[in-house]
Protein backbone atom coordinates (compact mmCIF):
# COMPACT_ATOMS: atom_id res chain seq x y z
CA UNK A 1 123.43 80.82 153.93
CA UNK A 2 122.08 84.29 153.18
CA UNK A 3 124.09 84.49 149.97
CA UNK A 4 122.49 81.29 148.59
CA UNK A 5 119.02 82.67 149.35
CA UNK A 6 119.84 85.94 147.60
CA UNK A 7 121.20 84.07 144.56
CA UNK A 8 118.13 81.82 144.47
CA UNK A 9 115.80 84.82 144.65
CA UNK A 10 117.79 86.61 141.94
CA UNK A 11 117.67 83.55 139.66
CA UNK A 12 113.92 83.20 140.22
CA UNK A 13 113.39 86.90 139.48
CA UNK A 14 115.39 86.69 136.25
CA UNK A 15 113.48 83.59 135.16
CA UNK A 16 110.14 85.28 135.81
CA UNK A 17 111.25 88.45 134.02
CA UNK A 18 112.29 86.38 131.01
CA UNK A 19 108.92 84.68 130.92
CA UNK A 20 107.02 87.95 131.15
CA UNK A 21 108.29 89.13 127.75
CA UNK A 22 107.46 85.87 125.99
CA UNK A 23 104.04 85.65 124.32
CA UNK A 24 101.75 82.92 125.58
CA UNK A 25 102.03 79.79 123.44
CA UNK A 26 98.27 79.45 123.20
CA UNK A 27 96.13 76.51 124.10
CA UNK A 28 97.20 72.91 123.54
CA UNK A 29 94.53 70.63 122.08
CA UNK A 30 95.70 67.00 121.96
CA UNK A 31 99.29 68.06 121.33
CA UNK A 32 98.46 70.84 118.87
CA UNK A 33 99.44 74.31 120.07
CA UNK A 34 97.07 76.97 118.75
CA UNK A 35 96.99 80.74 119.18
CA UNK A 36 93.78 82.61 118.41
CA UNK A 37 92.94 86.28 117.95
CA UNK A 38 90.12 88.09 119.82
CA UNK A 39 87.58 86.84 117.23
CA UNK A 40 88.60 83.21 117.88
CA UNK A 41 90.37 82.75 114.53
CA UNK A 42 93.58 80.74 114.49
CA UNK A 43 96.66 82.87 113.91
CA UNK A 44 99.21 80.11 114.53
CA UNK A 45 99.00 76.33 114.91
CA UNK A 46 101.71 73.75 115.32
CA UNK A 47 102.61 70.36 116.69
CA UNK A 48 106.04 69.01 117.50
CA UNK A 49 107.29 66.07 115.43
CA UNK A 50 105.49 62.80 116.07
CA UNK A 51 106.32 59.33 114.72
CA UNK A 52 104.84 57.65 111.69
CA UNK A 53 103.53 54.08 111.98
CA UNK A 54 106.91 52.33 111.74
CA UNK A 55 108.00 48.73 111.61
CA UNK A 56 111.44 49.59 113.07
CA UNK A 57 111.43 52.06 115.96
CA UNK A 58 115.18 52.72 115.57
CA UNK A 59 114.70 54.21 112.10
CA UNK A 60 111.27 55.77 112.52
CA UNK A 61 110.69 59.14 110.80
CA UNK A 62 108.85 61.92 112.62
CA UNK A 63 106.64 64.66 111.21
CA UNK A 64 105.66 68.03 112.69
CA UNK A 65 103.80 71.00 111.21
CA UNK A 66 103.62 74.75 111.74
CA UNK A 67 101.13 77.18 110.16
CA UNK A 68 100.76 80.93 110.50
CA UNK A 69 98.00 83.27 109.34
CA UNK A 70 100.75 85.48 107.88
CA UNK A 71 101.19 82.86 105.11
CA UNK A 72 97.87 81.00 105.15
CA UNK A 73 98.45 78.93 102.00
CA UNK A 74 101.72 77.45 103.18
CA UNK A 75 102.96 75.31 106.06
CA UNK A 76 106.32 74.32 107.46
CA UNK A 77 106.97 70.57 107.62
CA UNK A 78 109.59 69.35 110.12
CA UNK A 79 111.03 65.93 109.34
CA UNK A 80 113.52 63.93 111.36
CA UNK A 81 113.80 60.62 113.18
CA UNK A 82 112.87 59.34 116.64
CA UNK A 83 116.57 58.58 117.30
CA UNK A 84 119.54 60.78 116.48
CA UNK A 85 122.42 59.79 114.24
CA UNK A 86 120.59 59.72 110.90
CA UNK A 87 121.61 61.67 107.82
CA UNK A 88 119.42 64.77 107.25
CA UNK A 89 116.18 64.28 105.36
CA UNK A 90 116.59 65.41 101.74
CA UNK A 91 113.06 64.92 100.44
CA UNK A 92 109.69 63.58 101.55
CA UNK A 93 107.21 61.90 99.24
CA UNK A 94 103.61 61.27 100.27
CA UNK A 95 101.86 58.57 98.23
CA UNK A 96 98.25 59.38 99.01
CA UNK A 97 95.24 57.58 97.54
CA UNK A 98 93.61 58.81 95.29
CA UNK A 99 95.91 61.81 94.76
CA UNK A 100 99.12 59.98 93.91
CA UNK A 101 102.63 61.04 94.91
CA UNK A 102 103.26 64.51 96.32
CA UNK A 103 106.91 65.47 96.79
CA UNK A 104 108.16 68.00 99.32
CA UNK A 105 111.74 69.18 98.88
CA UNK A 106 111.73 73.00 99.18
CA UNK A 107 113.77 73.85 102.24
CA UNK A 108 112.51 76.59 104.55
CA UNK A 109 114.73 79.64 105.01
CA UNK A 110 115.33 78.86 108.69
CA UNK A 111 116.63 75.51 109.94
CA UNK A 112 116.51 75.91 113.75
CA UNK A 113 117.34 72.30 114.76
CA UNK A 114 120.11 70.10 113.37
CA UNK A 115 118.07 66.94 114.07
CA UNK A 116 115.04 68.18 112.08
CA UNK A 117 114.90 69.45 108.51
CA UNK A 118 112.22 72.06 107.83
CA UNK A 119 110.54 72.17 104.43
CA UNK A 120 107.89 74.54 103.14
CA UNK A 121 104.89 73.14 101.32
CA UNK A 122 101.41 74.24 100.26
CA UNK A 123 98.80 73.62 102.93
CA UNK A 124 96.78 71.88 100.20
CA UNK A 125 99.26 68.97 100.43
CA UNK A 126 98.26 68.40 104.05
CA UNK A 127 94.56 68.84 103.31
CA UNK A 128 94.90 66.00 100.78
CA UNK A 129 96.62 63.81 103.35
CA UNK A 130 93.74 64.38 105.78
CA UNK A 131 91.11 63.13 103.33
CA UNK A 132 93.13 60.32 101.73
CA UNK A 133 92.10 56.69 102.14
CA UNK A 134 95.70 55.64 102.72
CA UNK A 135 99.09 57.34 102.78
CA UNK A 136 102.61 55.93 102.56
CA UNK A 137 105.54 58.22 103.29
CA UNK A 138 108.91 57.83 101.60
CA UNK A 139 111.68 59.64 103.43
CA UNK A 140 114.87 60.20 101.44
CA UNK A 141 117.87 60.46 103.77
CA UNK A 142 121.57 59.84 103.13
CA UNK A 143 121.01 58.00 99.87
CA UNK A 144 118.42 55.68 101.43
CA UNK A 145 114.65 55.64 101.13
CA UNK A 146 112.59 54.63 104.14
CA UNK A 147 108.95 53.83 103.44
CA UNK A 148 106.55 53.97 106.35
CA UNK A 149 102.80 54.16 106.87
CA UNK A 150 101.20 57.49 107.67
CA UNK A 151 97.64 56.18 107.62
CA UNK A 152 95.76 53.22 106.23
CA UNK A 153 92.02 52.85 106.00
CA UNK A 154 92.08 51.11 109.39
CA UNK A 155 94.99 52.60 111.31
CA UNK A 156 96.59 56.04 111.67
CA UNK A 157 99.98 57.08 113.01
CA UNK A 158 100.34 59.63 115.80
CA UNK A 159 101.47 62.13 113.16
CA UNK A 160 98.35 61.50 111.02
CA UNK A 161 96.02 62.07 113.97
CA UNK A 162 97.87 65.26 114.92
CA UNK A 163 97.67 66.52 111.32
CA UNK A 164 93.87 66.19 111.33
CA UNK A 165 93.64 67.95 114.71
CA UNK A 166 96.03 70.66 113.43
CA UNK A 167 93.88 71.31 110.34
CA UNK A 168 90.72 71.22 112.43
CA UNK A 169 92.13 73.90 114.74
CA UNK A 170 93.16 76.07 111.78
CA UNK A 171 89.77 75.80 110.05
CA UNK A 172 87.58 75.63 113.18
CA UNK A 173 84.21 77.28 112.55
CA UNK A 174 84.74 77.67 108.79
CA UNK A 175 83.27 75.89 105.79
CA UNK A 176 86.68 74.31 105.16
CA UNK A 177 86.35 72.38 108.44
CA UNK A 178 83.16 70.77 107.14
CA UNK A 179 84.54 70.30 103.62
CA UNK A 180 87.53 68.31 104.89
CA UNK A 181 85.33 66.18 107.17
CA UNK A 182 86.98 67.50 110.33
CA UNK A 183 83.88 68.75 112.11
CA UNK A 184 82.72 66.18 114.63
CA UNK A 185 85.78 64.00 114.04
CA UNK A 186 87.02 64.41 117.61
CA UNK A 187 85.24 63.33 120.79
CA UNK A 188 85.33 66.79 122.35
CA UNK A 189 83.34 68.24 119.43
CA UNK A 190 80.12 66.47 118.47
CA UNK A 191 79.16 66.37 114.80
CA UNK A 192 77.08 69.33 113.64
CA UNK A 193 75.32 69.77 110.32
């Protein structure tokens, strides 16, 4: 009996010690994790992959984004599927009105998860998606092309909503937030001129 208590206490102590060395993930705002410096500027923002607006849930692509102040003009795009067993994503094409097709195929140096493929892309690509009137996503995987809706004029996928919140957290309090129409877009932040 005493041995199990000692082992439990030891396991708890090790778990707490492991957590103590890990930096705080920051605040979560509607699924977007954001870390800020002492001045309130975003230094890192991310959201885990969320589904597009799919007709077939078994073959639904997911999209996640990560941004760091270290490379402010670039973002990491994670693409995969809601269910495992799919071939890796080879390329992503966003057909955004009025910008036209934007292809993402540059792999990031690190690929931490075998179910997700991480690409690097200019943050400008995602800014364009946020202000587009409609976006279709073509996901190239295993010789097939899946076309799904990211956002229409009337309806947005979970991934599209998270992308706008992600950009809003990155640009919060800057002119870029206003320029992209993100200020006042969310209920917790009333519109300001």
